[in-house]
Amino acid sequence: MPAPRFLRLVSGFQKMVEALQASAGAADADKVVATGADGRLDASLMPLGIGANTTIVPASEPLTAGNFINFFNDAGTLKARKADNTNGRQADGFVTSAVASAASATVYPMDGVNSGLTGLTVGTKYFLGTAGGVIAAPLDETLAANYGKLSQQLGVAKSATELVTSDYEPVMI
């Protein structure tokens, strides 16, 4: 979507000028800015230290929007993989867009809103499932089939697509 335009006096003449939606740095000083198609300011327009609290790391496998991820050490390199309650991979954060294997994943920390999900029921608590997914029912700690699995509450559904997450400590059953 093209940025909004405004009239500006340039060398004595009125000229239509497009508002800036992303910054290239000092060359864009003193320019009028506009929000992007999502209604938000681009992170490049924000001062240093202000912006989304994210960690950018390589993905060790393909990730889809909404996946909860687990950070791990791969030969000295921090990487992201799908969190999973069956193999002890706790949820450390989530991604909001798909990421190919070996590509850079932008991981949002817990205590945020994961808006990449579908089929949630408002007000329902959700727990870590398998392959980066969520489940509505907590694991039953009395079932032998759940021994060795990870129980981790993730948060509460705000809408059918948004989960307000909290940084709950996982428990090994």
N, C-alpha and C. Protein backbone atom coordinates (compact mmCIF):
# COMPACT_ATOMS: atom_id res chain seq x y z
N MET A 1 0.85 -1.17 0.00
CA MET A 1 0.00 0.00 0.00
C MET A 1 0.90 1.23 0.00
N PRO A 2 0.64 2.17 -0.89
CA PRO A 2 1.47 3.39 -0.92
C PRO A 2 1.23 4.23 0.33
N ALA A 3 2.27 4.91 0.75
CA ALA A 3 2.19 5.77 1.92
C ALA A 3 1.35 6.99 1.60
N PRO A 4 0.74 7.59 2.63
CA PRO A 4 0.00 8.83 2.42
C PRO A 4 0.93 9.92 1.90
N ARG A 5 0.36 10.87 1.19
CA ARG A 5 1.14 11.98 0.64
C ARG A 5 0.66 13.28 1.25
N PHE A 6 1.53 14.25 1.23
CA PHE A 6 1.19 15.56 1.77
C PHE A 6 1.87 16.63 0.92
N LEU A 7 1.36 17.86 1.02
CA LEU A 7 1.95 18.97 0.27
C LEU A 7 3.13 19.54 1.05
N ARG A 8 4.21 19.83 0.32
CA ARG A 8 5.41 20.41 0.93
C ARG A 8 5.93 21.49 -0.01
N LEU A 9 6.46 22.54 0.55
CA LEU A 9 7.05 23.62 -0.24
C LEU A 9 8.50 23.24 -0.53
N VAL A 10 8.84 23.02 -1.81
CA VAL A 10 10.18 22.64 -2.24
C VAL A 10 10.64 23.65 -3.30
N SER A 11 11.70 24.40 -2.98
CA SER A 11 12.25 25.42 -3.89
C SER A 11 11.17 26.39 -4.38
N GLY A 12 10.28 26.76 -3.46
CA GLY A 12 9.26 27.76 -3.78
C GLY A 12 8.02 27.18 -4.45
N PHE A 13 7.98 25.88 -4.70
CA PHE A 13 6.82 25.25 -5.36
C PHE A 13 6.20 24.21 -4.44
N GLN A 14 4.87 24.06 -4.55
CA GLN A 14 4.20 23.01 -3.79
C GLN A 14 4.43 21.67 -4.49
N LYS A 15 4.77 20.67 -3.70
CA LYS A 15 5.06 19.35 -4.24
C LYS A 15 4.42 18.29 -3.35
N MET A 16 3.84 17.25 -3.98
CA MET A 16 3.30 16.13 -3.21
C MET A 16 4.47 15.23 -2.81
N VAL A 17 4.59 14.95 -1.52
CA VAL A 17 5.69 14.13 -0.99
C VAL A 17 5.09 12.95 -0.23
N GLU A 18 5.67 11.78 -0.42
CA GLU A 18 5.18 10.57 0.26
C GLU A 18 5.77 10.49 1.67
N ALA A 19 4.93 10.17 2.65
CA ALA A 19 5.40 9.99 4.02
C ALA A 19 6.27 8.74 4.10
N LEU A 20 7.21 8.75 5.00
CA LEU A 20 8.17 7.67 5.18
C LEU A 20 7.56 6.54 6.01
N GLN A 21 7.67 5.28 5.52
CA GLN A 21 7.14 4.14 6.27
C GLN A 21 8.24 3.27 6.87
N ALA A 22 9.48 3.44 6.42
CA ALA A 22 10.64 2.72 6.97
C ALA A 22 11.85 3.62 6.79
N SER A 23 12.77 3.56 7.73
CA SER A 23 13.93 4.44 7.70
C SER A 23 15.19 3.72 7.26
N ALA A 24 16.00 4.43 6.48
CA ALA A 24 17.31 3.93 6.06
C ALA A 24 18.41 4.55 6.93
N GLY A 25 18.01 5.29 7.96
CA GLY A 25 18.99 5.89 8.86
C GLY A 25 19.04 7.40 8.73
N ALA A 26 20.25 7.96 8.91
CA ALA A 26 20.45 9.41 8.95
C ALA A 26 19.94 10.11 7.69
N ALA A 27 19.97 9.45 6.56
CA ALA A 27 19.51 10.06 5.31
C ALA A 27 18.02 10.41 5.37
N ASP A 28 17.29 9.79 6.28
CA ASP A 28 15.86 10.04 6.40
C ASP A 28 15.51 10.97 7.55
N ALA A 29 16.49 11.71 8.05
CA ALA A 29 16.25 12.64 9.15
C ALA A 29 15.25 13.72 8.74
N ASP A 30 14.44 14.15 9.70
CA ASP A 30 13.48 15.26 9.53
C ASP A 30 12.42 14.99 8.48
N LYS A 31 12.03 13.76 8.31
CA LYS A 31 10.96 13.42 7.36
C LYS A 31 9.70 13.05 8.13
N VAL A 32 8.55 13.30 7.52
CA VAL A 32 7.26 12.94 8.11
C VAL A 32 7.07 11.44 7.95
N VAL A 33 6.58 10.77 9.02
CA VAL A 33 6.40 9.32 8.97
C VAL A 33 4.93 8.94 8.94
N ALA A 34 4.67 7.73 8.46
CA ALA A 34 3.32 7.20 8.39
C ALA A 34 3.34 5.75 8.86
N THR A 35 2.21 5.27 9.34
CA THR A 35 2.11 3.87 9.73
C THR A 35 2.06 3.01 8.48
N GLY A 36 2.40 1.73 8.63
CA GLY A 36 2.36 0.78 7.52
C GLY A 36 0.97 0.22 7.34
N ALA A 37 0.85 -0.79 6.48
CA ALA A 37 -0.43 -1.41 6.19
C ALA A 37 -1.06 -2.05 7.43
N ASP A 38 -0.22 -2.41 8.42
CA ASP A 38 -0.72 -3.01 9.65
C ASP A 38 -1.15 -1.97 10.69
N GLY A 39 -1.01 -0.69 10.35
CA GLY A 39 -1.40 0.38 11.26
C GLY A 39 -0.36 0.69 12.32
N ARG A 40 0.85 0.17 12.14
CA ARG A 40 1.91 0.38 13.13
C ARG A 40 3.13 1.01 12.49
N LEU A 41 3.96 1.62 13.32
CA LEU A 41 5.21 2.18 12.83
C LEU A 41 6.22 1.05 12.62
N ASP A 42 7.00 1.14 11.57
CA ASP A 42 8.06 0.17 11.31
C ASP A 42 9.12 0.29 12.39
N ALA A 43 9.72 -0.85 12.79
CA ALA A 43 10.74 -0.85 13.84
C ALA A 43 11.93 0.02 13.48
N SER A 44 12.20 0.22 12.18
CA SER A 44 13.35 1.04 11.77
C SER A 44 13.14 2.52 12.10
N LEU A 45 11.92 2.90 12.43
CA LEU A 45 11.62 4.29 12.77
C LEU A 45 11.75 4.56 14.27
N MET A 46 11.97 3.53 15.04
CA MET A 46 12.04 3.67 16.49
C MET A 46 13.46 3.95 16.95
N PRO A 47 13.61 4.65 18.07
CA PRO A 47 14.96 4.91 18.62
C PRO A 47 15.60 3.59 19.07
N LEU A 48 16.91 3.57 19.17
CA LEU A 48 17.61 2.38 19.65
C LEU A 48 17.09 2.02 21.04
N GLY A 49 16.87 0.74 21.26
CA GLY A 49 16.38 0.27 22.55
C GLY A 49 14.87 0.24 22.66
N ILE A 50 14.18 0.80 21.67
CA ILE A 50 12.71 0.80 21.67
C ILE A 50 12.25 -0.07 20.52
N GLY A 51 11.39 -1.02 20.82
CA GLY A 51 10.87 -1.91 19.79
C GLY A 51 10.44 -3.22 20.40
N ALA A 52 10.12 -4.16 19.55
CA ALA A 52 9.66 -5.46 20.02
C ALA A 52 10.78 -6.18 20.77
N ASN A 53 10.41 -6.81 21.85
CA ASN A 53 11.35 -7.61 22.64
C ASN A 53 11.42 -8.98 21.97
N THR A 54 12.40 -9.19 21.12
CA THR A 54 12.52 -10.44 20.38
C THR A 54 13.95 -10.94 20.41
N THR A 55 14.10 -12.22 20.08
CA THR A 55 15.40 -12.83 19.90
C THR A 55 15.42 -13.41 18.50
N ILE A 56 16.44 -13.09 17.72
CA ILE A 56 16.53 -13.61 16.36
C ILE A 56 17.61 -14.67 16.32
N VAL A 57 17.19 -15.90 16.01
CA VAL A 57 18.09 -17.05 15.99
C VAL A 57 17.75 -17.95 14.80
N PRO A 58 18.70 -18.77 14.35
CA PRO A 58 18.41 -19.72 13.27
C PRO A 58 17.40 -20.78 13.72
N ALA A 59 16.53 -21.16 12.82
CA ALA A 59 15.58 -22.25 13.09
C ALA A 59 16.23 -23.57 12.68
N SER A 60 16.13 -24.58 13.51
CA SER A 60 16.72 -25.87 13.19
C SER A 60 15.77 -26.76 12.38
N GLU A 61 14.53 -26.28 12.22
CA GLU A 61 13.52 -27.01 11.46
C GLU A 61 12.50 -25.98 10.97
N PRO A 62 11.66 -26.34 10.00
CA PRO A 62 10.63 -25.39 9.56
C PRO A 62 9.66 -25.08 10.70
N LEU A 63 9.32 -23.81 10.85
CA LEU A 63 8.38 -23.37 11.88
C LEU A 63 7.19 -22.72 11.18
N THR A 64 6.00 -22.88 11.75
CA THR A 64 4.83 -22.21 11.20
C THR A 64 4.37 -21.13 12.17
N ALA A 65 3.63 -20.17 11.66
CA ALA A 65 3.13 -19.07 12.49
C ALA A 65 2.37 -19.63 13.68
N GLY A 66 2.69 -19.14 14.87
CA GLY A 66 2.01 -19.56 16.08
C GLY A 66 2.74 -20.67 16.84
N ASN A 67 3.74 -21.30 16.21
CA ASN A 67 4.48 -22.36 16.91
C ASN A 67 5.14 -21.83 18.17
N PHE A 68 5.05 -22.61 19.24
CA PHE A 68 5.83 -22.34 20.44
C PHE A 68 7.18 -23.00 20.22
N ILE A 69 8.24 -22.30 20.60
CA ILE A 69 9.58 -22.80 20.31
C ILE A 69 10.39 -23.01 21.59
N ASN A 70 11.44 -23.79 21.41
CA ASN A 70 12.38 -24.11 22.47
C ASN A 70 13.76 -23.66 22.00
N PHE A 71 14.47 -22.91 22.84
CA PHE A 71 15.85 -22.53 22.53
C PHE A 71 16.76 -23.69 22.91
N PHE A 72 17.81 -23.93 22.12
CA PHE A 72 18.79 -24.95 22.48
C PHE A 72 20.15 -24.60 21.92
N ASN A 73 21.17 -25.22 22.48
CA ASN A 73 22.56 -25.00 22.09
C ASN A 73 22.95 -26.04 21.04
N ASP A 74 23.25 -25.59 19.84
CA ASP A 74 23.70 -26.48 18.77
C ASP A 74 25.16 -26.15 18.47
N ALA A 75 26.06 -26.89 19.11
CA ALA A 75 27.52 -26.71 18.94
C ALA A 75 27.95 -25.26 19.18
N GLY A 76 27.39 -24.66 20.24
CA GLY A 76 27.78 -23.30 20.60
C GLY A 76 26.93 -22.20 19.98
N THR A 77 25.94 -22.58 19.16
CA THR A 77 25.06 -21.60 18.53
C THR A 77 23.65 -21.76 19.08
N LEU A 78 23.05 -20.67 19.58
CA LEU A 78 21.68 -20.71 20.04
C LEU A 78 20.76 -20.87 18.85
N LYS A 79 19.86 -21.85 18.89
CA LYS A 79 18.91 -22.09 17.80
C LYS A 79 17.51 -22.30 18.37
N ALA A 80 16.52 -22.26 17.47
CA ALA A 80 15.12 -22.46 17.85
C ALA A 80 14.58 -23.71 17.17
N ARG A 81 13.78 -24.47 17.92
CA ARG A 81 13.09 -25.66 17.41
C ARG A 81 11.71 -25.69 18.05
N LYS A 82 10.83 -26.53 17.56
CA LYS A 82 9.47 -26.61 18.10
C LYS A 82 9.50 -27.17 19.53
N ALA A 83 8.77 -26.49 20.41
CA ALA A 83 8.60 -27.00 21.77
C ALA A 83 7.69 -28.22 21.69
N ASP A 84 7.84 -29.16 22.63
CA ASP A 84 7.07 -30.41 22.56
C ASP A 84 6.98 -31.02 23.94
N ASN A 85 5.76 -31.36 24.37
CA ASN A 85 5.59 -31.91 25.72
C ASN A 85 6.04 -33.36 25.83
N THR A 86 6.30 -34.03 24.70
CA THR A 86 6.67 -35.45 24.75
C THR A 86 8.17 -35.69 24.88
N ASN A 87 8.98 -34.65 24.63
CA ASN A 87 10.44 -34.87 24.66
C ASN A 87 11.19 -33.84 25.52
N GLY A 88 10.49 -33.20 26.43
CA GLY A 88 11.15 -32.30 27.38
C GLY A 88 11.54 -30.95 26.83
N ARG A 89 11.02 -30.57 25.67
CA ARG A 89 11.35 -29.27 25.08
C ARG A 89 10.32 -28.23 25.53
N GLN A 90 10.65 -27.50 26.59
CA GLN A 90 9.73 -26.50 27.13
C GLN A 90 9.55 -25.34 26.15
N ALA A 91 8.45 -24.63 26.28
CA ALA A 91 8.20 -23.45 25.46
C ALA A 91 8.94 -22.26 26.06
N ASP A 92 9.87 -21.69 25.28
CA ASP A 92 10.62 -20.51 25.69
C ASP A 92 10.10 -19.24 25.02
N GLY A 93 9.29 -19.40 23.99
CA GLY A 93 8.76 -18.28 23.24
C GLY A 93 7.92 -18.79 22.08
N PHE A 94 7.61 -17.88 21.13
CA PHE A 94 6.79 -18.28 19.99
C PHE A 94 7.16 -17.43 18.78
N VAL A 95 6.77 -17.91 17.60
CA VAL A 95 6.97 -17.17 16.36
C VAL A 95 5.61 -16.76 15.82
N THR A 96 5.56 -15.64 15.12
CA THR A 96 4.28 -15.17 14.57
C THR A 96 4.21 -15.31 13.06
N SER A 97 5.31 -15.77 12.46
CA SER A 97 5.30 -16.01 11.01
C SER A 97 6.11 -17.26 10.71
N ALA A 98 5.84 -17.87 9.57
CA ALA A 98 6.53 -19.10 9.17
C ALA A 98 8.01 -18.82 8.92
N VAL A 99 8.84 -19.81 9.23
CA VAL A 99 10.29 -19.70 9.07
C VAL A 99 10.80 -21.01 8.49
N ALA A 100 11.61 -20.93 7.45
CA ALA A 100 12.21 -22.12 6.86
C ALA A 100 13.36 -22.61 7.73
N SER A 101 13.68 -23.87 7.61
CA SER A 101 14.81 -24.43 8.34
C SER A 101 16.08 -23.68 7.96
N ALA A 102 16.89 -23.35 8.94
CA ALA A 102 18.15 -22.60 8.81
C ALA A 102 17.95 -21.10 8.59
N ALA A 103 16.73 -20.63 8.40
CA ALA A 103 16.47 -19.20 8.25
C ALA A 103 16.40 -18.56 9.65
N SER A 104 16.48 -17.24 9.70
CA SER A 104 16.41 -16.51 10.97
C SER A 104 14.97 -16.45 11.46
N ALA A 105 14.75 -16.91 12.69
CA ALA A 105 13.43 -16.87 13.31
C ALA A 105 13.38 -15.71 14.30
N THR A 106 12.34 -14.91 14.22
CA THR A 106 12.10 -13.86 15.20
C THR A 106 11.22 -14.45 16.28
N VAL A 107 11.80 -14.66 17.46
CA VAL A 107 11.11 -15.33 18.56
C VAL A 107 10.67 -14.30 19.59
N TYR A 108 9.38 -14.32 19.90
CA TYR A 108 8.81 -13.45 20.92
C TYR A 108 8.80 -14.20 22.24
N PRO A 109 9.14 -13.53 23.35
CA PRO A 109 9.18 -14.21 24.64
C PRO A 109 7.78 -14.49 25.18
N MET A 110 7.71 -15.41 26.12
CA MET A 110 6.46 -15.64 26.83
C MET A 110 6.12 -14.34 27.55
N ASP A 111 4.91 -14.16 27.96
CA ASP A 111 4.38 -12.92 28.55
C ASP A 111 3.99 -11.93 27.46
N GLY A 112 3.69 -12.45 26.27
CA GLY A 112 3.20 -11.63 25.16
C GLY A 112 1.93 -12.26 24.61
N VAL A 113 1.48 -11.78 23.46
CA VAL A 113 0.28 -12.32 22.83
C VAL A 113 0.69 -13.04 21.55
N ASN A 114 0.44 -14.35 21.51
CA ASN A 114 0.69 -15.15 20.32
C ASN A 114 -0.56 -15.06 19.46
N SER A 115 -0.47 -14.33 18.35
CA SER A 115 -1.63 -14.11 17.49
C SER A 115 -1.60 -14.99 16.24
N GLY A 116 -0.77 -16.03 16.24
CA GLY A 116 -0.66 -16.90 15.07
C GLY A 116 -1.39 -18.21 15.21
N LEU A 117 -2.35 -18.30 16.12
CA LEU A 117 -3.06 -19.55 16.37
C LEU A 117 -4.46 -19.52 15.77
N THR A 118 -5.12 -20.66 15.74
CA THR A 118 -6.50 -20.75 15.26
C THR A 118 -7.27 -21.72 16.13
N GLY A 119 -8.59 -21.59 16.14
CA GLY A 119 -9.46 -22.54 16.82
C GLY A 119 -9.47 -22.47 18.33
N LEU A 120 -9.01 -21.37 18.90
CA LEU A 120 -9.00 -21.25 20.36
C LEU A 120 -10.39 -20.87 20.87
N THR A 121 -10.66 -21.18 22.13
CA THR A 121 -11.92 -20.81 22.77
C THR A 121 -11.62 -19.72 23.80
N VAL A 122 -12.26 -18.59 23.67
CA VAL A 122 -12.03 -17.45 24.55
C VAL A 122 -12.16 -17.86 26.01
N GLY A 123 -11.19 -17.44 26.83
CA GLY A 123 -11.22 -17.70 28.26
C GLY A 123 -10.66 -19.05 28.67
N THR A 124 -10.35 -19.91 27.71
CA THR A 124 -9.82 -21.24 28.01
C THR A 124 -8.32 -21.18 28.24
N LYS A 125 -7.84 -21.93 29.25
CA LYS A 125 -6.40 -22.06 29.48
C LYS A 125 -5.86 -23.08 28.51
N TYR A 126 -4.66 -22.80 27.98
CA TYR A 126 -4.02 -23.73 27.04
C TYR A 126 -2.66 -24.14 27.56
N PHE A 127 -2.27 -25.35 27.16
CA PHE A 127 -1.05 -25.98 27.61
C PHE A 127 -0.21 -26.40 26.42
N LEU A 128 1.08 -26.64 26.66
CA LEU A 128 1.97 -27.08 25.60
C LEU A 128 1.55 -28.46 25.09
N GLY A 129 1.45 -28.56 23.76
CA GLY A 129 1.14 -29.82 23.11
C GLY A 129 2.39 -30.36 22.43
N THR A 130 2.22 -30.98 21.29
CA THR A 130 3.35 -31.52 20.53
C THR A 130 3.64 -30.66 19.32
N ALA A 131 4.85 -30.75 18.81
CA ALA A 131 5.27 -30.06 17.59
C ALA A 131 4.95 -28.57 17.59
N GLY A 132 5.16 -27.90 18.74
CA GLY A 132 4.96 -26.46 18.83
C GLY A 132 3.53 -26.03 19.01
N GLY A 133 2.62 -27.00 19.15
CA GLY A 133 1.20 -26.70 19.26
C GLY A 133 0.70 -26.58 20.69
N VAL A 134 -0.61 -26.37 20.81
CA VAL A 134 -1.24 -26.20 22.11
C VAL A 134 -2.36 -27.22 22.28
N ILE A 135 -2.68 -27.52 23.54
CA ILE A 135 -3.81 -28.37 23.87
C ILE A 135 -4.62 -27.67 24.96
N ALA A 136 -5.94 -27.94 24.98
CA ALA A 136 -6.80 -27.28 25.96
C ALA A 136 -6.85 -28.02 27.29
N ALA A 137 -6.62 -29.31 27.27
CA ALA A 137 -6.69 -30.08 28.52
C ALA A 137 -5.28 -30.32 29.06
N PRO A 138 -5.08 -30.09 30.35
CA PRO A 138 -3.75 -30.38 30.91
C PRO A 138 -3.51 -31.88 30.90
N LEU A 139 -2.23 -32.26 30.89
CA LEU A 139 -1.89 -33.68 30.95
C LEU A 139 -2.31 -34.23 32.31
N ASP A 140 -2.87 -35.43 32.32
CA ASP A 140 -3.29 -36.09 33.56
C ASP A 140 -2.07 -36.77 34.17
N GLU A 141 -1.63 -36.26 35.32
CA GLU A 141 -0.42 -36.78 35.94
C GLU A 141 -0.60 -38.17 36.54
N THR A 142 -1.85 -38.66 36.61
CA THR A 142 -2.07 -40.00 37.15
C THR A 142 -2.00 -41.09 36.08
N LEU A 143 -1.95 -40.69 34.81
CA LEU A 143 -1.87 -41.69 33.74
C LEU A 143 -0.42 -42.07 33.47
N ALA A 144 -0.14 -43.35 33.48
CA ALA A 144 1.22 -43.84 33.23
C ALA A 144 1.71 -43.40 31.86
N ALA A 145 0.82 -43.25 30.90
CA ALA A 145 1.21 -42.84 29.55
C ALA A 145 1.80 -41.43 29.52
N ASN A 146 1.53 -40.65 30.55
CA ASN A 146 2.04 -39.27 30.60
C ASN A 146 3.33 -39.14 31.40
N TYR A 147 3.80 -40.23 32.01
CA TYR A 147 5.05 -40.16 32.76
C TYR A 147 6.19 -39.81 31.81
N GLY A 148 7.02 -38.87 32.23
CA GLY A 148 8.13 -38.43 31.40
C GLY A 148 7.77 -37.30 30.45
N LYS A 149 6.50 -36.90 30.42
CA LYS A 149 6.07 -35.79 29.58
C LYS A 149 6.15 -34.48 30.36
N LEU A 150 6.17 -33.39 29.63
CA LEU A 150 6.30 -32.06 30.22
C LEU A 150 4.93 -31.40 30.28
N SER A 151 4.55 -30.93 31.45
CA SER A 151 3.30 -30.20 31.60
C SER A 151 3.65 -28.72 31.76
N GLN A 152 3.16 -27.90 30.83
CA GLN A 152 3.45 -26.46 30.89
C GLN A 152 2.23 -25.68 30.45
N GLN A 153 1.68 -24.89 31.38
CA GLN A 153 0.60 -23.99 31.01
C GLN A 153 1.19 -22.86 30.20
N LEU A 154 0.50 -22.45 29.12
CA LEU A 154 1.01 -21.40 28.24
C LEU A 154 0.28 -20.08 28.43
N GLY A 155 -1.03 -20.13 28.65
CA GLY A 155 -1.78 -18.89 28.79
C GLY A 155 -3.26 -19.09 28.59
N VAL A 156 -3.96 -17.97 28.37
CA VAL A 156 -5.41 -17.95 28.23
C VAL A 156 -5.79 -17.31 26.90
N ALA A 157 -6.77 -17.91 26.22
CA ALA A 157 -7.21 -17.41 24.92
C ALA A 157 -7.95 -16.08 25.08
N LYS A 158 -7.51 -15.11 24.30
CA LYS A 158 -8.14 -13.79 24.25
C LYS A 158 -9.20 -13.76 23.14
N SER A 159 -8.95 -14.55 22.10
CA SER A 159 -9.86 -14.66 20.96
C SER A 159 -9.61 -16.02 20.32
N ALA A 160 -10.24 -16.29 19.21
CA ALA A 160 -10.05 -17.56 18.51
C ALA A 160 -8.65 -17.70 17.93
N THR A 161 -7.92 -16.58 17.82
CA THR A 161 -6.58 -16.61 17.21
C THR A 161 -5.47 -16.06 18.11
N GLU A 162 -5.82 -15.61 19.33
CA GLU A 162 -4.83 -14.96 20.19
C GLU A 162 -4.77 -15.62 21.56
N LEU A 163 -3.54 -15.96 21.96
CA LEU A 163 -3.30 -16.53 23.28
C LEU A 163 -2.42 -15.57 24.08
N VAL A 164 -2.94 -15.09 25.20
CA VAL A 164 -2.17 -14.23 26.10
C VAL A 164 -1.29 -15.17 26.91
N THR A 165 0.01 -15.14 26.64
CA THR A 165 0.91 -16.11 27.27
C THR A 165 1.48 -15.57 28.57
N SER A 166 1.89 -16.48 29.42
CA SER A 166 2.60 -16.18 30.66
C SER A 166 3.79 -17.10 30.73
N ASP A 167 4.76 -16.72 31.51
CA ASP A 167 6.00 -17.50 31.61
C ASP A 167 5.89 -18.51 32.76
N TYR A 168 5.08 -19.55 32.52
CA TYR A 168 4.89 -20.58 33.55
C TYR A 168 6.06 -21.56 33.51
N GLU A 169 6.45 -22.04 34.68
CA GLU A 169 7.52 -23.02 34.80
C GLU A 169 6.96 -24.40 34.43
N PRO A 170 7.62 -25.13 33.53
CA PRO A 170 7.13 -26.47 33.19
C PRO A 170 7.42 -27.48 34.30
N VAL A 171 6.65 -28.56 34.32
CA VAL A 171 6.81 -29.63 35.30
C VAL A 171 6.92 -30.95 34.56
N MET A 172 7.94 -31.74 34.86
CA MET A 172 8.08 -33.07 34.28
C MET A 172 7.23 -34.03 35.09
N ILE A 173 6.33 -34.72 34.41
CA ILE A 173 5.43 -35.66 35.09
C ILE A 173 6.16 -36.97 35.32
